[in-house]
PDB file of N, CA and C in Angstrom:
ATOM      1  N   MET A   1      -1.556   5.555  13.176  1.00  0.00           N
ATOM      2  CA  MET A   1      -0.886   4.770  12.340  1.00  0.00           C
ATOM      3  C   MET A   1       0.596   6.303  12.445  1.00  0.00           C
ATOM      4  N   THR A   2       1.873   5.353  11.892  1.00  0.00           N
ATOM      5  CA  THR A   2       3.127   6.055  12.455  1.00  0.00           C
ATOM      6  C   THR A   2       2.958   6.123  10.684  1.00  0.00           C
ATOM      7  N   GLY A   3       4.367   6.798  10.551  1.00  0.00           N
ATOM      8  CA  GLY A   3       5.233   6.928   9.335  1.00  0.00           C
ATOM      9  C   GLY A   3       5.989   5.979   9.155  1.00  0.00           C
ATOM     10  N   THR A   4       6.161   5.499   9.962  1.00  0.00           N
ATOM     11  CA  THR A   4       7.018   3.914  10.600  1.00  0.00           C
ATOM     12  C   THR A   4       6.006   2.359  10.065  1.00  0.00           C
ATOM     13  N   GLU A   5       4.619   2.133   9.981  1.00  0.00           N
ATOM     14  CA  GLU A   5       4.019   1.396  10.630  1.00  0.00           C
ATOM     15  C   GLU A   5       4.840   0.493   8.146  1.00  0.00           C
ATOM     16  N   ASN A   6       4.694  -0.701   8.289  1.00  0.00           N
ATOM     17  CA  ASN A   6       4.554  -1.601   7.603  1.00  0.00           C
ATOM     18  C   ASN A   6       4.278  -1.741   6.673  1.00  0.00           C
ATOM     19  N   PHE A   7       3.312  -2.004   5.118  1.00  0.00           N
ATOM     20  CA  PHE A   7       3.152  -2.148   4.583  1.00  0.00           C
ATOM     21  C   PHE A   7       1.393  -2.629   5.399  1.00  0.00           C
ATOM     22  N   GLU A   8       2.286  -3.962   5.613  1.00  0.00           N
ATOM     23  CA  GLU A   8       0.735  -4.978   5.707  1.00  0.00           C
ATOM     24  C   GLU A   8       0.372  -4.541   6.635  1.00  0.00           C
ATOM     25  N   THR A   9       1.302  -3.384   7.782  1.00  0.00           N
ATOM     26  CA  THR A   9       0.227  -3.151   9.078  1.00  0.00           C
ATOM     27  C   THR A   9      -1.413  -1.972   8.136  1.00  0.00           C
ATOM     28  N   ALA A  10      -0.390  -1.053   7.840  1.00  0.00           N
ATOM     29  CA  ALA A  10      -0.966  -0.282   6.876  1.00  0.00           C
ATOM     30  C   ALA A  10      -2.190  -1.211   6.329  1.00  0.00           C
ATOM     31  N   LEU A  11      -1.873  -1.835   5.337  1.00  0.00           N
ATOM     32  CA  LEU A  11      -2.759  -2.415   4.609  1.00  0.00           C
ATOM     33  C   LEU A  11      -4.046  -2.889   6.200  1.00  0.00           C
ATOM     34  N   GLN A  12      -3.547  -3.740   6.514  1.00  0.00           N
ATOM     35  CA  GLN A  12      -4.154  -3.957   8.758  1.00  0.00           C
ATOM     36  C   GLN A  12      -5.430  -2.737   7.879  1.00  0.00           C
ATOM     37  N   THR A  13      -4.380  -2.547   8.094  1.00  0.00           N
ATOM     38  CA  THR A  13      -5.397  -1.263   9.014  1.00  0.00           C
ATOM     39  C   THR A  13      -6.882  -0.496   7.681  1.00  0.00           C
ATOM     40  N   LEU A  14      -6.461  -0.278   7.031  1.00  0.00           N
ATOM     41  CA  LEU A  14      -6.944   0.265   6.001  1.00  0.00           C
ATOM     42  C   LEU A  14      -8.351  -0.944   5.579  1.00  0.00           C
ATOM     43  N   GLU A  15      -8.119  -2.194   5.621  1.00  0.00           N
ATOM     44  CA  GLU A  15      -9.359  -3.754   5.886  1.00  0.00           C
ATOM     45  C   GLU A  15     -10.379  -3.321   6.264  1.00  0.00           C
ATOM     46  N   GLN A  16      -9.624  -2.121   7.704  1.00  0.00           N
ATOM     47  CA  GLN A  16     -10.725  -2.239   9.221  1.00  0.00           C
ATOM     48  C   GLN A  16     -10.914  -2.122   8.982  1.00  0.00           C
ATOM     49  N   VAL A  17     -10.785  -0.116   8.765  1.00  0.00           N
ATOM     50  CA  VAL A  17     -11.468   0.743   8.454  1.00  0.00           C
ATOM     51  C   VAL A  17     -12.445   0.792   7.239  1.00  0.00           C
ATOM     52  N   VAL A  18     -11.983   0.501   6.492  1.00  0.00           N
ATOM     53  CA  VAL A  18     -13.532  -0.190   5.288  1.00  0.00           C
ATOM     54  C   VAL A  18     -14.366  -1.435   5.834  1.00  0.00           C
ATOM     55  N   ASP A  19     -14.822  -2.653   6.615  1.00  0.00           N
ATOM     56  CA  ASP A  19     -15.058  -3.337   6.956  1.00  0.00           C
ATOM     57  C   ASP A  19     -15.698  -2.193   8.359  1.00  0.00           C
ATOM     58  N   ARG A  20     -15.323  -1.586   8.720  1.00  0.00           N
ATOM     59  CA  ARG A  20     -16.115  -0.324  10.334  1.00  0.00           C
ATOM     60  C   ARG A  20     -16.942   0.184   8.951  1.00  0.00           C
ATOM     61  N   LEU A  21     -16.634   0.904   7.309  1.00  0.00           N
ATOM     62  CA  LEU A  21     -17.114   1.905   7.763  1.00  0.00           C
ATOM     63  C   LEU A  21     -18.960   1.569   6.615  1.00  0.00           C
ATOM     64  N   GLU A  22     -18.016  -0.589   6.555  1.00  0.00           N
ATOM     65  CA  GLU A  22     -19.499  -0.767   5.564  1.00  0.00           C
ATOM     66  C   GLU A  22     -19.962  -1.862   6.670  1.00  0.00           C
ATOM     67  N   ASN A  23     -20.365  -1.916   7.860  1.00  0.00           N
ATOM     68  CA  ASN A  23     -20.571  -2.328   8.455  1.00  0.00           C
ATOM     69  C   ASN A  23     -21.275  -2.291   9.818  1.00  0.00           C
ATOM     70  N   THR A  24     -20.835  -0.883  10.365  1.00  0.00           N
ATOM     71  CA  THR A  24     -21.334  -0.962  11.733  1.00  0.00           C
ATOM     72  C   THR A  24     -21.692   1.032  11.199  1.00  0.00           C
ATOM     73  N   ASP A  25     -23.098   0.400  11.910  1.00  0.00           N
ATOM     74  CA  ASP A  25     -23.795   1.792  12.374  1.00  0.00           C
ATOM     75  C   ASP A  25     -22.736   2.827  12.727  1.00  0.00           C
ATOM     76  N   LEU A  26     -22.692   3.896  12.251  1.00  0.00           N
ATOM     77  CA  LEU A  26     -21.385   5.417  12.586  1.00  0.00           C
ATOM     78  C   LEU A  26     -22.303   6.439  13.112  1.00  0.00           C
ATOM     79  N   SER A  27     -21.945   7.286  13.637  1.00  0.00           N
ATOM     80  CA  SER A  27     -22.375   8.698  13.416  1.00  0.00           C
ATOM     81  C   SER A  27     -21.542   9.654  12.109  1.00  0.00           C
ATOM     82  N   LEU A  28     -22.646   9.682  11.887  1.00  0.00           N
ATOM     83  CA  LEU A  28     -21.342  11.229  11.403  1.00  0.00           C
ATOM     84  C   LEU A  28     -19.532  11.647  11.277  1.00  0.00           C
ATOM     85  N   GLU A  29     -19.642  12.043  13.030  1.00  0.00           N
ATOM     86  CA  GLU A  29     -17.707  12.773  13.385  1.00  0.00           C
ATOM     87  C   GLU A  29     -17.433  11.199  12.952  1.00  0.00           C
ATOM     88  N   GLU A  30     -18.134   9.678  13.836  1.00  0.00           N
ATOM     89  CA  GLU A  30     -17.026   8.545  13.475  1.00  0.00           C
ATOM     90  C   GLU A  30     -16.863   8.211  12.250  1.00  0.00           C
ATOM     91  N   ALA A  31     -18.024   8.428  11.305  1.00  0.00           N
ATOM     92  CA  ALA A  31     -17.700   7.986   9.829  1.00  0.00           C
ATOM     93  C   ALA A  31     -16.859   8.964   9.407  1.00  0.00           C
ATOM     94  N   LEU A  32     -16.495   9.465  10.144  1.00  0.00           N
ATOM     95  CA  LEU A  32     -15.516  10.859   8.688  1.00  0.00           C
ATOM     96  C   LEU A  32     -13.770  10.439   9.625  1.00  0.00           C
ATOM     97  N   SER A  33     -14.221  10.841  10.892  1.00  0.00           N
ATOM     98  CA  SER A  33     -13.006  10.271  11.722  1.00  0.00           C
ATOM     99  C   SER A  33     -11.691   8.685  11.399  1.00  0.00           C
ATOM    100  N   ALA A  34     -12.630   7.711  10.780  1.00  0.00           N
ATOM    101  CA  ALA A  34     -13.116   6.907  10.376  1.00  0.00           C
ATOM    102  C   ALA A  34     -12.594   6.458   8.476  1.00  0.00           C
ATOM    103  N   PHE A  35     -13.829   7.892   8.319  1.00  0.00           N
ATOM    104  CA  PHE A  35     -12.715   7.397   6.740  1.00  0.00           C
ATOM    105  C   PHE A  35     -11.435   8.511   6.202  1.00  0.00           C
ATOM    106  N   GLU A  36     -11.063   8.678   7.510  1.00  0.00           N
ATOM    107  CA  GLU A  36      -9.354  10.341   7.386  1.00  0.00           C
ATOM    108  C   GLU A  36      -8.727   9.221   7.355  1.00  0.00           C
ATOM    109  N   LYS A  37      -8.632   7.888   8.997  1.00  0.00           N
ATOM    110  CA  LYS A  37      -7.769   6.947   8.731  1.00  0.00           C
ATOM    111  C   LYS A  37      -7.750   5.903   7.576  1.00  0.00           C
ATOM    112  N   GLY A  38      -8.995   5.953   6.888  1.00  0.00           N
ATOM    113  CA  GLY A  38      -8.306   4.656   5.751  1.00  0.00           C
ATOM    114  C   GLY A  38      -7.675   5.699   5.064  1.00  0.00           C
ATOM    115  N   VAL A  39      -7.947   7.033   5.196  1.00  0.00           N
ATOM    116  CA  VAL A  39      -7.320   7.587   3.862  1.00  0.00           C
ATOM    117  C   VAL A  39      -6.083   7.979   3.368  1.00  0.00           C
ATOM    118  N   ALA A  40      -5.492   7.827   5.025  1.00  0.00           N
ATOM    119  CA  ALA A  40      -4.479   7.826   5.521  1.00  0.00           C
ATOM    120  C   ALA A  40      -3.215   6.617   5.361  1.00  0.00           C
ATOM    121  N   SER A  41      -4.284   5.905   5.533  1.00  0.00           N
ATOM    122  CA  SER A  41      -3.607   3.978   5.519  1.00  0.00           C
ATOM    123  C   SER A  41      -3.690   4.061   4.116  1.00  0.00           C
ATOM    124  N   ALA A  42      -4.531   4.272   2.877  1.00  0.00           N
ATOM    125  CA  ALA A  42      -3.945   4.340   1.874  1.00  0.00           C
ATOM    126  C   ALA A  42      -2.987   4.859   1.397  1.00  0.00           C
ATOM    127  N   THR A  43      -2.988   6.304   1.380  1.00  0.00           N
ATOM    128  CA  THR A  43      -2.064   6.688   1.446  1.00  0.00           C
ATOM    129  C   THR A  43      -0.267   5.785   2.080  1.00  0.00           C
ATOM    130  N   ARG A  44      -0.288   5.600   2.849  1.00  0.00           N
ATOM    131  CA  ARG A  44       0.899   5.497   3.616  1.00  0.00           C
ATOM    132  C   ARG A  44       0.978   4.159   2.704  1.00  0.00           C
ATOM    133  N   CYS A  45      -0.287   2.984   1.920  1.00  0.00           N
ATOM    134  CA  CYS A  45       0.555   1.674   1.245  1.00  0.00           C
ATOM    135  C   CYS A  45       0.590   2.140  -0.275  1.00  0.00           C
ATOM    136  N   GLN A  46       0.708   2.863  -0.492  1.00  0.00           N
ATOM    137  CA  GLN A  46       1.152   4.068  -1.763  1.00  0.00           C
ATOM    138  C   GLN A  46       2.190   4.263  -2.133  1.00  0.00           C
ATOM    139  N   LYS A  47       2.338   5.428  -0.815  1.00  0.00           N
ATOM    140  CA  LYS A  47       3.474   5.167  -0.805  1.00  0.00           C
ATOM    141  C   LYS A  47       5.008   4.406  -0.869  1.00  0.00           C
ATOM    142  N   LEU A  48       4.555   3.300  -0.115  1.00  0.00           N
ATOM    143  CA  LEU A  48       5.636   2.237   0.749  1.00  0.00           C
ATOM    144  C   LEU A  48       5.811   1.373  -1.277  1.00  0.00           C
ATOM    145  N   LEU A  49       4.388   1.539  -1.859  1.00  0.00           N
ATOM    146  CA  LEU A  49       4.557   0.044  -3.027  1.00  0.00           C
ATOM    147  C   LEU A  49       5.000   0.788  -3.987  1.00  0.00           C
ATOM    148  N   GLN A  50       4.884   2.411  -4.247  1.00  0.00           N
ATOM    149  CA  GLN A  50       6.747   3.288  -4.785  1.00  0.00           C
ATOM    150  C   GLN A  50       7.602   2.732  -4.166  1.00  0.00           C
ATOM    151  N   ALA A  51       7.617   2.893  -2.672  1.00  0.00           N
ATOM    152  CA  ALA A  51       8.931   2.565  -3.146  1.00  0.00           C
ATOM    153  C   ALA A  51       9.333   1.585  -3.819  1.00  0.00           C
ATOM    154  N   VAL A  52       9.039   0.437  -3.426  1.00  0.00           N
ATOM    155  CA  VAL A  52       9.356  -0.668  -4.002  1.00  0.00           C
ATOM    156  C   VAL A  52      10.085  -0.932  -5.490  1.00  0.00           C
ATOM    157  N   GLU A  53       8.398   0.404  -5.505  1.00  0.00           N
ATOM    158  CA  GLU A  53       8.645  -0.243  -7.343  1.00  0.00           C
ATOM    159  C   GLU A  53      10.079   0.267  -7.381  1.00  0.00           C
ATOM    160  N   THR A  54      10.314   1.839  -7.320  1.00  0.00           N
ATOM    161  CA  THR A  54      11.637   2.173  -7.397  1.00  0.00           C
ATOM    162  C   THR A  54      13.070   1.446  -7.210  1.00  0.00           C
ATOM    163  N   ARG A  55      12.693   0.098  -6.667  1.00  0.00           N
ATOM    164  CA  ARG A  55      14.470  -0.434  -6.603  1.00  0.00           C
ATOM    165  C   ARG A  55      14.123  -1.643  -6.219  1.00  0.00           C
ATOM    166  N   VAL A  56      13.001  -2.303  -7.223  1.00  0.00           N
ATOM    167  CA  VAL A  56      12.337  -3.339  -7.835  1.00  0.00           C
ATOM    168  C   VAL A  56      13.418  -4.120  -9.885  1.00  0.00           C
ATOM    169  N   GLU A  57      14.386  -4.559  -9.220  1.00  0.00           N
ATOM    170  CA  GLU A  57      14.927  -5.168 -10.579  1.00  0.00           C
ATOM    171  C   GLU A  57      14.505  -5.866 -10.942  1.00  0.00           C
ATOM    172  N   LEU A  58      14.422  -6.333 -13.044  1.00  0.00           N
ATOM    173  CA  LEU A  58      13.927  -7.188 -13.470  1.00  0.00           C
ATOM    174  C   LEU A  58      15.327  -8.465 -13.731  1.00  0.00           C
ATOM    175  N   LEU A  59      14.858  -9.091 -13.867  1.00  0.00           N
ATOM    176  CA  LEU A  59      15.761 -10.479 -14.637  1.00  0.00           C
ATOM    177  C   LEU A  59      15.147 -10.727 -15.913  1.00  0.00           C
ATOM    178  N   LEU A  60      15.919 -10.381 -17.073  1.00  0.00           N
ATOM    179  CA  LEU A  60      15.982 -10.668 -18.038  1.00  0.00           C
ATOM    180  C   LEU A  60      16.024 -11.047 -18.771  1.00  0.00           C
ATOM    181  N   LYS A  61      16.114 -12.726 -20.262  1.00  0.00           N
ATOM    182  CA  LYS A  61      16.234 -13.336 -20.828  1.00  0.00           C
ATOM    183  C   LYS A  61      16.750 -12.922 -21.765  1.00  0.00           C
ATOM    184  N   LYS A  62      18.037 -12.993 -21.632  1.00  0.00           N
ATOM    185  CA  LYS A  62      18.985 -13.047 -23.101  1.00  0.00           C
ATOM    186  C   LYS A  62      18.821 -13.392 -23.916  1.00  0.00           C
ATOM    187  N   PRO A  63      18.358 -13.512 -25.787  1.00  0.00           N
ATOM    188  CA  PRO A  63      18.257 -13.834 -26.953  1.00  0.00           C
ATOM    189  C   PRO A  63      19.311 -15.496 -26.960  1.00  0.00           C
ATOM    190  N   ASP A  64      20.636 -14.818 -26.042  1.00  0.00           N
ATOM    191  CA  ASP A  64      21.362 -16.670 -26.806  1.00  0.00           C
ATOM    192  C   ASP A  64      21.578 -16.754 -24.709  1.00  0.00           C
ATOM    193  N   GLY A  65      19.984 -17.016 -23.896  1.00  0.00           N
ATOM    194  CA  GLY A  65      20.108 -17.808 -22.892  1.00  0.00           C
ATOM    195  C   GLY A  65      19.867 -17.323 -22.442  1.00  0.00           C
ATOM    196  N   THR A  66      21.189 -16.053 -22.015  1.00  0.00           N
ATOM    197  CA  THR A  66      21.823 -15.799 -20.589  1.00  0.00           C
ATOM    198  C   THR A  66      20.930 -14.589 -19.679  1.00  0.00           C
ATOM    199  N   PHE A  67      21.007 -14.393 -18.499  1.00  0.00           N
ATOM    200  CA  PHE A  67      19.928 -13.699 -18.470  1.00  0.00           C
ATOM    201  C   PHE A  67      21.099 -11.970 -17.651  1.00  0.00           C
ATOM    202  N   GLU A  68      20.245 -10.854 -16.982  1.00  0.00           N
ATOM    203  CA  GLU A  68      20.599  -9.700 -17.056  1.00  0.00           C
ATOM    204  C   GLU A  68      20.016  -9.272 -16.075  1.00  0.00           C
ATOM    205  N   ILE A  69      19.708  -8.342 -15.319  1.00  0.00           N
ATOM    206  CA  ILE A  69      19.085  -7.453 -14.618  1.00  0.00           C
ATOM    207  C   ILE A  69      19.713  -6.274 -15.154  1.00  0.00           C
ATOM    208  N   ASP A  70      18.399  -4.985 -14.657  1.00  0.00           N
ATOM    209  CA  ASP A  70      18.293  -4.433 -15.385  1.00  0.00           C
ATOM    210  C   ASP A  70      16.671  -3.261 -14.533  1.00  0.00           C
ATOM    211  N   GLN A  71      17.120  -2.868 -14.229  1.00  0.00           N
ATOM    212  CA  GLN A  71      15.848  -1.712 -13.023  1.00  0.00           C
ATOM    213  C   GLN A  71      14.838  -1.802 -13.890  1.00  0.00           C
ATOM    214  N   PHE A  72      14.012  -1.292 -13.297  1.00  0.00           N
ATOM    215  CA  PHE A  72      12.912  -1.635 -13.320  1.00  0.00           C
ATOM    216  C   PHE A  72      12.074  -0.137 -13.715  1.00  0.00           C
ATOM    217  N   GLU A  73      11.321  -0.080 -14.835  1.00  0.00           N
ATOM    218  CA  GLU A  73      10.959   1.401 -15.345  1.00  0.00           C
ATOM    219  C   GLU A  73       9.696   1.477 -15.797  1.00  0.00           C
ATOM    220  N   GLU A  74       8.242   1.817 -15.317  1.00  0.00           N
ATOM    221  CA  GLU A  74       6.956   2.678 -15.118  1.00  0.00           C
ATOM    222  C   GLU A  74       6.369   2.672 -16.660  1.00  0.00           C
TER     223      GLU A  74
END
């Protein structure tokens, strides 16, 4: 996994790791390696989502029927 991996790729990697851990008999070392890869993918997904969250703008309807753009705040 690389730091330039997009969200979809990181999520797909995470799903593959989870599937492998759930449905394959792995040695302890293989399971640990897969788990580490899954954690790295989950962390990448979380970082990408946080970055998007800070860029999201909300379109808010004002009482007079017009719209204004506001920054998303947690």
